[in-house]
């Protein structure tokens, strides 16, 4: 049973082929957004859904909310233990 996967972002088709920082793990539908070397997390903020299809039908994932984490402030603390 060979299937296919597609993604939407905020209800609109998310074309991973048009973004060099986005890939899909083969055979799994797992979306990988690589912003480690470039790009901004804010660019990919939104509500994502994955649709998996095969000859028996389709299944849609729950909403996956992506938002950038808040800025971290590094604090030097001594561990009392």
PDB file of N, CA and C in Angstrom:
ATOM      1  N   UNK A   1       0.819  -1.192   0.000  1.00  0.00           N
ATOM      2  CA  UNK A   1       0.000   0.000   0.000  1.00  0.00           C
ATOM      3  C   UNK A   1       0.860   1.252   0.000  1.00  0.00           C
ATOM      4  N   UNK A   2       1.125   1.752  -1.135  1.00  0.00           N
ATOM      5  CA  UNK A   2       1.913   2.969  -1.244  1.00  0.00           C
ATOM      6  C   UNK A   2       0.990   4.164  -1.086  1.00  0.00           C
ATOM      7  N   UNK A   3       1.373   5.090  -0.238  1.00  0.00           N
ATOM      8  CA  UNK A   3       0.530   6.252   0.021  1.00  0.00           C
ATOM      9  C   UNK A   3       1.254   7.547  -0.258  1.00  0.00           C
ATOM     10  N   UNK A   4       0.555   8.629  -0.029  1.00  0.00           N
ATOM     11  CA  UNK A   4       1.146   9.955  -0.196  1.00  0.00           C
ATOM     12  C   UNK A   4       0.755  10.824   0.989  1.00  0.00           C
ATOM     13  N   UNK A   5       1.533  11.850   1.207  1.00  0.00           N
ATOM     14  CA  UNK A   5       1.304  12.780   2.306  1.00  0.00           C
ATOM     15  C   UNK A   5       1.304  14.195   1.759  1.00  0.00           C
ATOM     16  N   UNK A   6       0.446  15.031   2.316  1.00  0.00           N
ATOM     17  CA  UNK A   6       0.450  16.455   1.973  1.00  0.00           C
ATOM     18  C   UNK A   6       0.184  17.246   3.240  1.00  0.00           C
ATOM     19  N   UNK A   7       0.561  18.524   3.200  1.00  0.00           N
ATOM     20  CA  UNK A   7       0.422  19.386   4.370  1.00  0.00           C
ATOM     21  C   UNK A   7      -0.331  20.661   4.018  1.00  0.00           C
ATOM     22  N   UNK A   8      -1.066  21.170   5.011  1.00  0.00           N
ATOM     23  CA  UNK A   8      -1.640  22.507   4.895  1.00  0.00           C
ATOM     24  C   UNK A   8      -1.091  23.349   6.038  1.00  0.00           C
ATOM     25  N   UNK A   9      -1.032  24.631   5.791  1.00  0.00           N
ATOM     26  CA  UNK A   9      -0.647  25.602   6.827  1.00  0.00           C
ATOM     27  C   UNK A   9      -1.715  26.675   6.838  1.00  0.00           C
ATOM     28  N   UNK A  10      -2.349  26.863   7.985  1.00  0.00           N
ATOM     29  CA  UNK A  10      -3.454  27.825   8.121  1.00  0.00           C
ATOM     30  C   UNK A  10      -4.543  27.576   7.079  1.00  0.00           C
ATOM     31  N   UNK A  11      -4.807  26.289   6.811  1.00  0.00           N
ATOM     32  CA  UNK A  11      -5.881  25.917   5.905  1.00  0.00           C
ATOM     33  C   UNK A  11      -5.552  25.965   4.426  1.00  0.00           C
ATOM     34  N   UNK A  12      -4.320  26.329   4.074  1.00  0.00           N
ATOM     35  CA  UNK A  12      -3.908  26.441   2.678  1.00  0.00           C
ATOM     36  C   UNK A  12      -2.812  25.428   2.386  1.00  0.00           C
ATOM     37  N   UNK A  13      -2.815  24.855   1.182  1.00  0.00           N
ATOM     38  CA  UNK A  13      -1.782  23.886   0.800  1.00  0.00           C
ATOM     39  C   UNK A  13      -0.394  24.454   1.069  1.00  0.00           C
ATOM     40  N   UNK A  14       0.437  23.678   1.747  1.00  0.00           N
ATOM     41  CA  UNK A  14       1.812  24.077   2.062  1.00  0.00           C
ATOM     42  C   UNK A  14       2.728  23.311   1.119  1.00  0.00           C
ATOM     43  N   UNK A  15       3.276  24.007   0.120  1.00  0.00           N
ATOM     44  CA  UNK A  15       4.097  23.383  -0.915  1.00  0.00           C
ATOM     45  C   UNK A  15       5.542  23.294  -0.440  1.00  0.00           C
ATOM     46  N   UNK A  16       5.918  22.127   0.050  1.00  0.00           N
ATOM     47  CA  UNK A  16       7.265  21.967   0.605  1.00  0.00           C
ATOM     48  C   UNK A  16       8.334  22.022  -0.475  1.00  0.00           C
ATOM     49  N   UNK A  17       7.969  21.765  -1.727  1.00  0.00           N
ATOM     50  CA  UNK A  17       8.956  21.790  -2.817  1.00  0.00           C
ATOM     51  C   UNK A  17       9.424  23.207  -3.128  1.00  0.00           C
ATOM     52  N   UNK A  18       8.692  24.209  -2.696  1.00  0.00           N
ATOM     53  CA  UNK A  18       9.052  25.600  -2.994  1.00  0.00           C
ATOM     54  C   UNK A  18       9.893  26.245  -1.906  1.00  0.00           C
ATOM     55  N   UNK A  19      10.199  25.511  -0.836  1.00  0.00           N
ATOM     56  CA  UNK A  19      10.974  26.083   0.264  1.00  0.00           C
ATOM     57  C   UNK A  19      12.185  25.194   0.541  1.00  0.00           C
ATOM     58  N   UNK A  20      13.395  25.691   0.289  1.00  0.00           N
ATOM     59  CA  UNK A  20      14.588  24.859   0.480  1.00  0.00           C
ATOM     60  C   UNK A  20      14.872  24.473   1.930  1.00  0.00           C
ATOM     61  N   UNK A  21      14.235  25.135   2.893  1.00  0.00           N
ATOM     62  CA  UNK A  21      14.459  24.811   4.303  1.00  0.00           C
ATOM     63  C   UNK A  21      13.497  23.738   4.817  1.00  0.00           C
ATOM     64  N   UNK A  22      12.558  23.318   3.960  1.00  0.00           N
ATOM     65  CA  UNK A  22      11.534  22.353   4.371  1.00  0.00           C
ATOM     66  C   UNK A  22      11.675  21.065   3.567  1.00  0.00           C
ATOM     67  N   UNK A  23      11.678  19.939   4.270  1.00  0.00           N
ATOM     68  CA  UNK A  23      11.696  18.629   3.632  1.00  0.00           C
ATOM     69  C   UNK A  23      10.688  17.727   4.325  1.00  0.00           C
ATOM     70  N   UNK A  24      10.352  16.624   3.670  1.00  0.00           N
ATOM     71  CA  UNK A  24       9.484  15.633   4.272  1.00  0.00           C
ATOM     72  C   UNK A  24      10.272  14.328   4.331  1.00  0.00           C
ATOM     73  N   UNK A  25      10.279  13.713   5.505  1.00  0.00           N
ATOM     74  CA  UNK A  25      10.985  12.457   5.691  1.00  0.00           C
ATOM     75  C   UNK A  25      10.317  11.394   4.813  1.00  0.00           C
ATOM     76  N   UNK A  26      11.082  10.738   3.943  1.00  0.00           N
ATOM     77  CA  UNK A  26      10.497   9.785   2.990  1.00  0.00           C
ATOM     78  C   UNK A  26       9.699   8.677   3.678  1.00  0.00           C
ATOM     79  N   UNK A  27       8.516   8.418   3.144  1.00  0.00           N
ATOM     80  CA  UNK A  27       7.687   7.329   3.611  1.00  0.00           C
ATOM     81  C   UNK A  27       6.954   7.563   4.921  1.00  0.00           C
ATOM     82  N   UNK A  28       7.162   8.712   5.562  1.00  0.00           N
ATOM     83  CA  UNK A  28       6.539   8.938   6.864  1.00  0.00           C
ATOM     84  C   UNK A  28       5.625  10.155   6.903  1.00  0.00           C
ATOM     85  N   UNK A  29       5.848  11.115   6.048  1.00  0.00           N
ATOM     86  CA  UNK A  29       5.068  12.342   6.093  1.00  0.00           C
ATOM     87  C   UNK A  29       5.569  13.344   7.103  1.00  0.00           C
ATOM     88  N   UNK A  30       6.623  12.987   7.856  1.00  0.00           N
ATOM     89  CA  UNK A  30       7.170  13.892   8.870  1.00  0.00           C
ATOM     90  C   UNK A  30       7.766  15.122   8.196  1.00  0.00           C
ATOM     91  N   UNK A  31       7.292  16.289   8.603  1.00  0.00           N
ATOM     92  CA  UNK A  31       7.767  17.552   8.052  1.00  0.00           C
ATOM     93  C   UNK A  31       8.969  18.021   8.857  1.00  0.00           C
ATOM     94  N   UNK A  32      10.038  18.403   8.158  1.00  0.00           N
ATOM     95  CA  UNK A  32      11.250  18.891   8.812  1.00  0.00           C
ATOM     96  C   UNK A  32      11.520  20.304   8.313  1.00  0.00           C
ATOM     97  N   UNK A  33      11.558  21.248   9.243  1.00  0.00           N
ATOM     98  CA  UNK A  33      11.857  22.644   8.921  1.00  0.00           C
ATOM     99  C   UNK A  33      13.209  22.950   9.551  1.00  0.00           C
ATOM    100  N   UNK A  34      14.208  23.167   8.721  1.00  0.00           N
ATOM    101  CA  UNK A  34      15.574  23.364   9.198  1.00  0.00           C
ATOM    102  C   UNK A  34      15.931  24.843   9.199  1.00  0.00           C
ATOM    103  N   UNK A  35      15.799  25.476  10.360  1.00  0.00           N
ATOM    104  CA  UNK A  35      16.134  26.903  10.464  1.00  0.00           C
ATOM    105  C   UNK A  35      17.406  27.100  11.281  1.00  0.00           C
ATOM    106  N   UNK A  36      18.180  26.027  11.454  1.00  0.00           N
ATOM    107  CA  UNK A  36      19.397  26.126  12.266  1.00  0.00           C
ATOM    108  C   UNK A  36      20.433  27.049  11.636  1.00  0.00           C
ATOM    109  N   UNK A  37      20.614  26.999  10.323  1.00  0.00           N
ATOM    110  CA  UNK A  37      21.659  27.801   9.690  1.00  0.00           C
ATOM    111  C   UNK A  37      21.130  29.100   9.099  1.00  0.00           C
ATOM    112  N   UNK A  38      19.863  29.139   8.785  1.00  0.00           N
ATOM    113  CA  UNK A  38      19.261  30.352   8.227  1.00  0.00           C
ATOM    114  C   UNK A  38      17.758  30.298   8.441  1.00  0.00           C
ATOM    115  N   UNK A  39      17.092  31.364   8.110  1.00  0.00           N
ATOM    116  CA  UNK A  39      15.643  31.403   8.263  1.00  0.00           C
ATOM    117  C   UNK A  39      15.232  31.856   9.646  1.00  0.00           C
ATOM    118  N   UNK A  40      13.965  32.192   9.776  1.00  0.00           N
ATOM    119  CA  UNK A  40      13.428  32.661  11.056  1.00  0.00           C
ATOM    120  C   UNK A  40      12.240  31.793  11.437  1.00  0.00           C
ATOM    121  N   UNK A  41      12.166  31.442  12.701  1.00  0.00           N
ATOM    122  CA  UNK A  41      11.083  30.600  13.186  1.00  0.00           C
ATOM    123  C   UNK A  41       9.724  31.252  12.932  1.00  0.00           C
ATOM    124  N   UNK A  42       9.659  32.565  13.034  1.00  0.00           N
ATOM    125  CA  UNK A  42       8.396  33.273  12.862  1.00  0.00           C
ATOM    126  C   UNK A  42       7.794  33.026  11.482  1.00  0.00           C
ATOM    127  N   UNK A  43       8.634  32.784  10.487  1.00  0.00           N
ATOM    128  CA  UNK A  43       8.178  32.542   9.122  1.00  0.00           C
ATOM    129  C   UNK A  43       7.282  31.314   9.045  1.00  0.00           C
ATOM    130  N   UNK A  44       7.508  30.357   9.920  1.00  0.00           N
ATOM    131  CA  UNK A  44       6.795  29.077   9.865  1.00  0.00           C
ATOM    132  C   UNK A  44       5.711  28.947  10.937  1.00  0.00           C
ATOM    133  N   UNK A  45       5.412  30.039  11.602  1.00  0.00           N
ATOM    134  CA  UNK A  45       4.363  30.036  12.616  1.00  0.00           C
ATOM    135  C   UNK A  45       3.018  29.755  11.948  1.00  0.00           C
ATOM    136  N   UNK A  46       2.188  28.946  12.592  1.00  0.00           N
ATOM    137  CA  UNK A  46       0.869  28.688  12.040  1.00  0.00           C
ATOM    138  C   UNK A  46       0.289  27.377  12.526  1.00  0.00           C
ATOM    139  N   UNK A  47      -0.842  27.014  11.942  1.00  0.00           N
ATOM    140  CA  UNK A  47      -1.529  25.761  12.265  1.00  0.00           C
ATOM    141  C   UNK A  47      -1.371  24.825  11.069  1.00  0.00           C
ATOM    142  N   UNK A  48      -0.736  23.694  11.314  1.00  0.00           N
ATOM    143  CA  UNK A  48      -0.447  22.725  10.261  1.00  0.00           C
ATOM    144  C   UNK A  48      -1.335  21.495  10.417  1.00  0.00           C
ATOM    145  N   UNK A  49      -1.628  20.853   9.278  1.00  0.00           N
ATOM    146  CA  UNK A  49      -2.322  19.569   9.273  1.00  0.00           C
ATOM    147  C   UNK A  49      -1.722  18.710   8.165  1.00  0.00           C
ATOM    148  N   UNK A  50      -1.589  17.427   8.462  1.00  0.00           N
ATOM    149  CA  UNK A  50      -1.082  16.469   7.490  1.00  0.00           C
ATOM    150  C   UNK A  50      -2.233  15.600   7.015  1.00  0.00           C
ATOM    151  N   UNK A  51      -2.275  15.346   5.714  1.00  0.00           N
ATOM    152  CA  UNK A  51      -3.236  14.413   5.147  1.00  0.00           C
ATOM    153  C   UNK A  51      -2.472  13.243   4.543  1.00  0.00           C
ATOM    154  N   UNK A  52      -2.818  12.036   4.968  1.00  0.00           N
ATOM    155  CA  UNK A  52      -2.217  10.810   4.437  1.00  0.00           C
ATOM    156  C   UNK A  52      -3.260  10.136   3.552  1.00  0.00           C
ATOM    157  N   UNK A  53      -2.842   9.735   2.339  1.00  0.00           N
ATOM    158  CA  UNK A  53      -3.771   9.112   1.398  1.00  0.00           C
ATOM    159  C   UNK A  53      -3.194   7.808   0.865  1.00  0.00           C
ATOM    160  N   UNK A  54      -4.071   6.834   0.669  1.00  0.00           N
ATOM    161  CA  UNK A  54      -3.723   5.634  -0.079  1.00  0.00           C
ATOM    162  C   UNK A  54      -4.982   5.145  -0.784  1.00  0.00           C
ATOM    163  N   UNK A  55      -4.906   3.954  -1.372  1.00  0.00           N
ATOM    164  CA  UNK A  55      -6.056   3.485  -2.156  1.00  0.00           C
ATOM    165  C   UNK A  55      -7.283   3.207  -1.295  1.00  0.00           C
ATOM    166  N   UNK A  56      -7.147   3.142  -0.009  1.00  0.00           N
ATOM    167  CA  UNK A  56      -8.291   2.900   0.881  1.00  0.00           C
ATOM    168  C   UNK A  56      -8.951   4.183   1.387  1.00  0.00           C
ATOM    169  N   UNK A  57      -8.313   5.324   1.152  1.00  0.00           N
ATOM    170  CA  UNK A  57      -8.915   6.573   1.605  1.00  0.00           C
ATOM    171  C   UNK A  57      -7.893   7.558   2.117  1.00  0.00           C
ATOM    172  N   UNK A  58      -8.345   8.460   2.975  1.00  0.00           N
ATOM    173  CA  UNK A  58      -7.486   9.522   3.498  1.00  0.00           C
ATOM    174  C   UNK A  58      -7.729   9.695   4.991  1.00  0.00           C
ATOM    175  N   UNK A  59      -6.692  10.158   5.678  1.00  0.00           N
ATOM    176  CA  UNK A  59      -6.793  10.482   7.103  1.00  0.00           C
ATOM    177  C   UNK A  59      -6.116  11.829   7.323  1.00  0.00           C
ATOM    178  N   UNK A  60      -6.710  12.647   8.177  1.00  0.00           N
ATOM    179  CA  UNK A  60      -6.184  13.983   8.457  1.00  0.00           C
ATOM    180  C   UNK A  60      -5.744  14.041   9.912  1.00  0.00           C
ATOM    181  N   UNK A  61      -4.568  14.597  10.137  1.00  0.00           N
ATOM    182  CA  UNK A  61      -4.041  14.715  11.497  1.00  0.00           C
ATOM    183  C   UNK A  61      -4.798  15.773  12.286  1.00  0.00           C
ATOM    184  N   UNK A  62      -4.600  15.762  13.575  1.00  0.00           N
ATOM    185  CA  UNK A  62      -5.060  16.864  14.411  1.00  0.00           C
ATOM    186  C   UNK A  62      -4.295  18.123  14.024  1.00  0.00           C
ATOM    187  N   UNK A  63      -4.785  19.275  14.449  1.00  0.00           N
ATOM    188  CA  UNK A  63      -4.051  20.517  14.232  1.00  0.00           C
ATOM    189  C   UNK A  63      -2.726  20.475  14.985  1.00  0.00           C
ATOM    190  N   UNK A  64      -1.699  20.947  14.344  1.00  0.00           N
ATOM    191  CA  UNK A  64      -0.377  21.054  14.956  1.00  0.00           C
ATOM    192  C   UNK A  64      -0.022  22.534  14.949  1.00  0.00           C
ATOM    193  N   UNK A  65       0.035  23.137  16.122  1.00  0.00           N
ATOM    194  CA  UNK A  65       0.293  24.571  16.231  1.00  0.00           C
ATOM    195  C   UNK A  65       1.795  24.783  16.383  1.00  0.00           C
ATOM    196  N   UNK A  66       2.354  25.586  15.476  1.00  0.00           N
ATOM    197  CA  UNK A  66       3.781  25.904  15.520  1.00  0.00           C
ATOM    198  C   UNK A  66       3.921  27.381  15.801  1.00  0.00           C
ATOM    199  N   UNK A  67       4.659  27.681  16.851  1.00  0.00           N
ATOM    200  CA  UNK A  67       4.951  29.083  17.153  1.00  0.00           C
ATOM    201  C   UNK A  67       6.355  29.148  17.719  1.00  0.00           C
ATOM    202  N   UNK A  68       7.059  30.238  17.441  1.00  0.00           N
ATOM    203  CA  UNK A  68       8.431  30.353  17.961  1.00  0.00           C
ATOM    204  C   UNK A  68       8.434  30.443  19.476  1.00  0.00           C
ATOM    205  N   UNK A  69       9.451  29.865  20.068  1.00  0.00           N
ATOM    206  CA  UNK A  69       9.569  29.957  21.525  1.00  0.00           C
ATOM    207  C   UNK A  69       9.951  31.373  21.910  1.00  0.00           C
ATOM    208  N   UNK A  70       9.686  31.725  23.152  1.00  0.00           N
ATOM    209  CA  UNK A  70      10.061  33.052  23.621  1.00  0.00           C
ATOM    210  C   UNK A  70      11.575  33.124  23.755  1.00  0.00           C
ATOM    211  N   UNK A  71      12.088  34.300  23.755  1.00  0.00           N
ATOM    212  CA  UNK A  71      13.537  34.502  23.890  1.00  0.00           C
ATOM    213  C   UNK A  71      14.009  33.974  25.233  1.00  0.00           C
ATOM    214  N   UNK A  72      15.094  33.263  25.219  1.00  0.00           N
ATOM    215  CA  UNK A  72      15.661  32.729  26.459  1.00  0.00           C
ATOM    216  C   UNK A  72      16.734  33.667  26.962  1.00  0.00           C
ATOM    217  N   UNK A  73      16.752  33.888  28.232  1.00  0.00           N
ATOM    218  CA  UNK A  73      17.787  34.697  28.849  1.00  0.00           C
ATOM    219  C   UNK A  73      18.646  33.748  29.672  1.00  0.00           C
ATOM    220  N   UNK A  74      19.920  33.682  29.336  1.00  0.00           N
ATOM    221  CA  UNK A  74      20.822  32.780  30.026  1.00  0.00           C
ATOM    222  C   UNK A  74      21.184  33.368  31.380  1.00  0.00           C
ATOM    223  N   UNK A  75      20.959  32.590  32.405  1.00  0.00           N
ATOM    224  CA  UNK A  75      21.230  33.038  33.770  1.00  0.00           C
ATOM    225  C   UNK A  75      22.240  32.091  34.386  1.00  0.00           C
ATOM    226  N   UNK A  76      23.259  32.648  35.029  1.00  0.00           N
ATOM    227  CA  UNK A  76      24.266  31.836  35.681  1.00  0.00           C
ATOM    228  C   UNK A  76      23.787  31.555  37.096  1.00  0.00           C
ATOM    229  N   UNK A  77      23.503  30.279  37.365  1.00  0.00           N
ATOM    230  CA  UNK A  77      23.036  29.904  38.690  1.00  0.00           C
ATOM    231  C   UNK A  77      23.929  28.800  39.203  1.00  0.00           C
ATOM    232  N   UNK A  78      24.145  28.799  40.503  1.00  0.00           N
ATOM    233  CA  UNK A  78      24.915  27.732  41.129  1.00  0.00           C
ATOM    234  C   UNK A  78      23.957  26.662  41.601  1.00  0.00           C
ATOM    235  N   UNK A  79      24.245  25.421  41.289  1.00  0.00           N
ATOM    236  CA  UNK A  79      23.409  24.316  41.725  1.00  0.00           C
ATOM    237  C   UNK A  79      23.708  24.039  43.193  1.00  0.00           C
ATOM    238  N   UNK A  80      22.713  24.159  44.089  1.00  0.00           N
ATOM    239  CA  UNK A  80      22.973  23.969  45.508  1.00  0.00           C
ATOM    240  C   UNK A  80      23.232  22.518  45.895  1.00  0.00           C
ATOM    241  N   UNK A  81      23.033  21.581  44.980  1.00  0.00           N
ATOM    242  CA  UNK A  81      23.222  20.164  45.335  1.00  0.00           C
ATOM    243  C   UNK A  81      24.537  19.672  44.830  1.00  0.00           C
TER     244      UNK A  81
END
